[in-house]
Amino acid sequence: RLAKRFADAAALAVDNAQIRAALEHQAQTDRLTGLYNHRFFHERLRAELTRASRTRDSVALLVFDLDDFKRVNDVHGHGIGDQVLMGLAEIMTETIRASDVACRIGGEEFAVIMPSCDVVAAKGLAARLNDELALANFEPAGKMTVSVGIAQGPLHAMNPRELVACSEAAMMTAKAAGKNRVVVAEREAA
């Protein structure tokens, strides 16, 4: 009887741990894409910048969104728009390194945190993402492109909010320059 009670208690503890892990995963991920969500993005970026500061390392940040995504939703509907977002998320997870952190930070806006990387490595990832997107066809929406902004901590900013602002400003510059391009934040802008 005593062994059965111990076994029951152990089984309950395992169940509780599994439930807790599942709830934690749900709280950290975007339900549609399976990528990390906005909240997790900011927590992880802060942690990576702190680590980079402590170890005198760097962290690169890519922020990008789908060009003309509103047109996809307007012409084809939100269901097709969701399929495009899921397709982009799949391309991201297949393209990034295991140590990179892929996030959906808003509507059609995504980010990749690249620990121990600089602008050159980030530009390489952006090129690979663009190459993979060029091969993909999101029928019936067709081909999709992204505008990418890149910043590096601590080169451009050491504060998470400022680093995000640098990346977003570079992304907006890419959009203003004609979309479907990669722009690195200017050091003076930081």
Protein backbone atom coordinates (compact mmCIF):
# COMPACT_ATOMS: atom_id res chain seq x y z
CA ARG A 1 0.00 0.00 0.00
CA LEU A 2 2.82 2.37 0.83
CA ALA A 3 4.54 1.69 -2.50
CA LYS A 4 1.25 2.36 -4.34
CA ARG A 5 0.88 5.70 -2.57
CA PHE A 6 4.42 6.68 -3.52
CA ALA A 7 3.77 5.64 -7.11
CA ASP A 8 0.53 7.66 -7.20
CA ALA A 9 2.31 10.71 -5.77
CA ALA A 10 5.14 10.37 -8.29
CA ALA A 11 2.66 10.05 -11.17
CA LEU A 12 0.82 13.15 -9.96
CA ALA A 13 4.09 15.09 -9.75
CA VAL A 14 5.00 14.07 -13.31
CA ASP A 15 1.54 15.07 -14.58
CA ASN A 16 1.80 18.45 -12.84
CA ALA A 17 5.24 19.07 -14.34
CA GLN A 18 3.97 18.21 -17.83
CA ILE A 19 0.94 20.49 -17.43
CA ARG A 20 3.14 23.32 -16.17
CA ALA A 21 5.54 22.91 -19.11
CA ALA A 22 2.64 22.91 -21.59
CA LEU A 23 1.16 26.06 -20.04
CA GLU A 24 4.54 27.79 -20.07
CA HIS A 25 5.00 26.90 -23.74
CA GLN A 26 1.54 28.28 -24.57
CA ALA A 27 2.31 31.52 -22.73
CA GLN A 28 5.55 32.00 -24.72
CA THR A 29 4.47 31.12 -28.25
CA ASP A 30 2.27 32.57 -30.94
CA ARG A 31 -0.65 30.23 -31.49
CA LEU A 32 -0.78 30.68 -35.28
CA THR A 33 2.90 30.35 -36.22
CA GLY A 34 4.37 28.44 -33.29
CA LEU A 35 7.13 31.06 -33.04
CA TYR A 36 7.94 32.84 -29.80
CA ASN A 37 5.61 35.75 -29.05
CA HIS A 38 6.09 39.46 -28.42
CA ARG A 39 6.43 39.12 -24.65
CA PHE A 40 9.03 36.36 -24.87
CA PHE A 41 10.90 38.34 -27.53
CA HIS A 42 11.45 41.29 -25.21
CA GLU A 43 12.44 39.09 -22.26
CA ARG A 44 14.93 37.11 -24.34
CA LEU A 45 16.39 40.19 -26.04
CA ARG A 46 17.02 41.78 -22.64
CA ALA A 47 18.69 38.57 -21.42
CA GLU A 48 20.88 38.32 -24.53
CA LEU A 49 21.95 41.97 -24.29
CA THR A 50 22.81 41.46 -20.62
CA ARG A 51 24.83 38.36 -21.51
CA ALA A 52 26.57 40.21 -24.36
CA SER A 53 27.49 43.06 -22.03
CA ARG A 54 28.85 40.71 -19.39
CA THR A 55 30.92 38.64 -21.84
CA ARG A 56 31.88 41.53 -24.16
CA ASP A 57 30.06 39.78 -26.98
CA SER A 58 27.50 41.00 -29.49
CA VAL A 59 23.92 40.21 -30.39
CA ALA A 60 22.37 40.92 -33.77
CA LEU A 61 18.70 41.68 -34.27
CA LEU A 62 16.71 41.33 -37.48
CA VAL A 63 13.24 42.90 -37.61
CA PHE A 64 11.21 42.43 -40.77
CA ASP A 65 7.72 42.30 -42.11
CA LEU A 66 5.98 41.08 -45.21
CA ASP A 67 5.72 43.67 -47.95
CA ASP A 68 2.17 44.53 -49.04
CA PHE A 69 0.63 42.01 -46.65
CA LYS A 70 -2.51 44.10 -46.25
CA ARG A 71 -3.20 43.48 -49.94
CA VAL A 72 -3.11 39.70 -49.32
CA ASN A 73 -5.74 39.98 -46.60
CA ASP A 74 -7.86 42.41 -48.62
CA VAL A 75 -7.79 40.42 -51.86
CA HIS A 76 -7.63 36.82 -50.64
CA GLY A 77 -8.99 36.99 -47.10
CA HIS A 78 -7.50 36.46 -43.66
CA GLY A 79 -7.41 32.68 -44.02
CA ILE A 80 -4.93 32.95 -46.88
CA GLY A 81 -3.08 35.65 -44.95
CA ASP A 82 -2.74 33.22 -42.03
CA GLN A 83 -1.36 30.57 -44.41
CA VAL A 84 1.25 33.04 -45.64
CA LEU A 85 2.25 33.85 -42.05
CA MET A 86 2.55 30.15 -41.22
CA GLY A 87 4.60 29.57 -44.38
CA LEU A 88 7.00 32.39 -43.48
CA ALA A 89 7.33 30.98 -39.95
CA GLU A 90 8.23 27.59 -41.41
CA ILE A 91 10.87 29.15 -43.68
CA MET A 92 12.29 31.01 -40.69
CA THR A 93 12.59 27.92 -38.50
CA GLU A 94 14.27 25.99 -41.30
CA THR A 95 16.74 28.80 -42.08
CA ILE A 96 17.95 30.06 -38.69
CA ARG A 97 20.64 28.50 -36.49
CA ALA A 98 19.64 26.41 -33.47
CA SER A 99 20.88 29.21 -31.18
CA ASP A 100 18.82 31.92 -32.93
CA VAL A 101 15.42 32.92 -31.56
CA ALA A 102 12.61 33.40 -34.10
CA CYS A 103 9.64 35.49 -32.95
CA ARG A 104 6.40 36.91 -34.27
CA ILE A 105 6.25 40.31 -32.64
CA GLY A 106 3.08 41.64 -34.24
CA GLY A 107 0.69 41.15 -37.18
CA GLU A 108 3.05 40.51 -40.06
CA GLU A 109 6.17 41.65 -38.18
CA PHE A 110 8.84 39.14 -37.21
CA ALA A 111 12.21 39.22 -35.48
CA VAL A 112 15.25 37.01 -35.08
CA ILE A 113 17.59 37.40 -32.12
CA MET A 114 21.08 36.18 -33.06
CA PRO A 115 23.31 35.66 -30.01
CA SER A 116 27.06 36.05 -30.54
CA CYS A 117 26.55 37.50 -34.02
CA ASP A 118 27.39 40.75 -35.73
CA VAL A 119 25.90 42.71 -38.62
CA VAL A 120 27.74 40.59 -41.20
CA ALA A 121 26.20 37.35 -39.89
CA ALA A 122 22.79 39.01 -39.70
CA LYS A 123 23.06 40.14 -43.32
CA GLY A 124 23.92 36.56 -44.25
CA LEU A 125 20.78 35.29 -42.53
CA ALA A 126 18.68 37.99 -44.20
CA ALA A 127 20.06 36.93 -47.59
CA ARG A 128 19.25 33.26 -46.89
CA LEU A 129 15.72 34.21 -45.81
CA ASN A 130 15.25 36.24 -48.99
CA ASP A 131 16.58 33.36 -51.11
CA GLU A 132 14.15 30.91 -49.50
CA LEU A 133 11.25 33.34 -49.87
CA ALA A 134 12.08 33.78 -53.56
CA LEU A 135 11.66 30.02 -54.01
CA ALA A 136 8.34 29.88 -52.13
CA ASN A 137 4.99 30.46 -53.78
CA PHE A 138 2.16 31.26 -51.39
CA GLU A 139 -0.74 30.38 -53.68
CA PRO A 140 -3.10 32.04 -54.28
CA ALA A 141 -1.27 35.08 -52.88
CA GLY A 142 1.81 34.37 -55.02
CA LYS A 143 5.35 35.48 -54.27
CA MET A 144 6.07 37.44 -51.10
CA THR A 145 8.97 39.66 -50.11
CA VAL A 146 10.18 41.16 -46.84
CA SER A 147 11.83 44.40 -45.80
CA VAL A 148 14.53 43.76 -43.19
CA GLY A 149 16.12 46.06 -40.63
CA ILE A 150 19.27 44.98 -38.80
CA ALA A 151 20.90 46.35 -35.67
CA GLN A 152 23.65 45.06 -33.40
CA GLY A 153 24.07 45.40 -29.68
CA PRO A 154 26.10 47.05 -28.27
CA LEU A 155 27.22 48.74 -31.52
CA HIS A 156 23.88 50.46 -32.18
CA ALA A 157 22.30 50.25 -28.72
CA MET A 158 22.65 48.36 -25.46
CA ASN A 159 19.11 48.99 -24.26
CA PRO A 160 16.57 46.49 -25.67
CA ARG A 161 14.01 49.15 -26.57
CA GLU A 162 16.63 51.25 -28.33
CA LEU A 163 17.98 48.24 -30.23
CA VAL A 164 14.47 47.36 -31.39
CA ALA A 165 13.91 51.00 -32.39
CA CYS A 166 17.15 50.95 -34.43
CA SER A 167 16.09 47.75 -36.21
CA GLU A 168 12.58 49.06 -36.86
CA ALA A 169 13.93 52.37 -38.19
CA ALA A 170 16.19 50.44 -40.56
CA MET A 171 13.21 48.31 -41.64
CA MET A 172 11.15 51.43 -42.33
CA THR A 173 14.06 52.81 -44.36
CA ALA A 174 14.03 49.58 -46.40
CA LYS A 175 10.30 49.99 -47.03
CA ALA A 176 10.70 53.65 -48.01
CA ALA A 177 13.53 52.74 -50.40
CA GLY A 178 11.28 50.39 -52.36
CA LYS A 179 10.76 47.31 -50.15
CA ASN A 180 12.30 43.85 -50.62
CA ARG A 181 15.68 44.91 -49.24
CA VAL A 182 17.91 44.75 -46.18
CA VAL A 183 19.04 47.90 -44.36
CA VAL A 184 21.50 48.08 -41.48
CA ALA A 185 20.88 50.68 -38.79
CA GLU A 186 23.15 53.67 -38.94
CA ARG A 187 25.47 54.07 -36.01
CA GLU A 188 24.65 57.79 -35.79
CA ALA A 189 20.93 57.00 -35.54
CA ALA A 190 21.53 55.16 -32.30
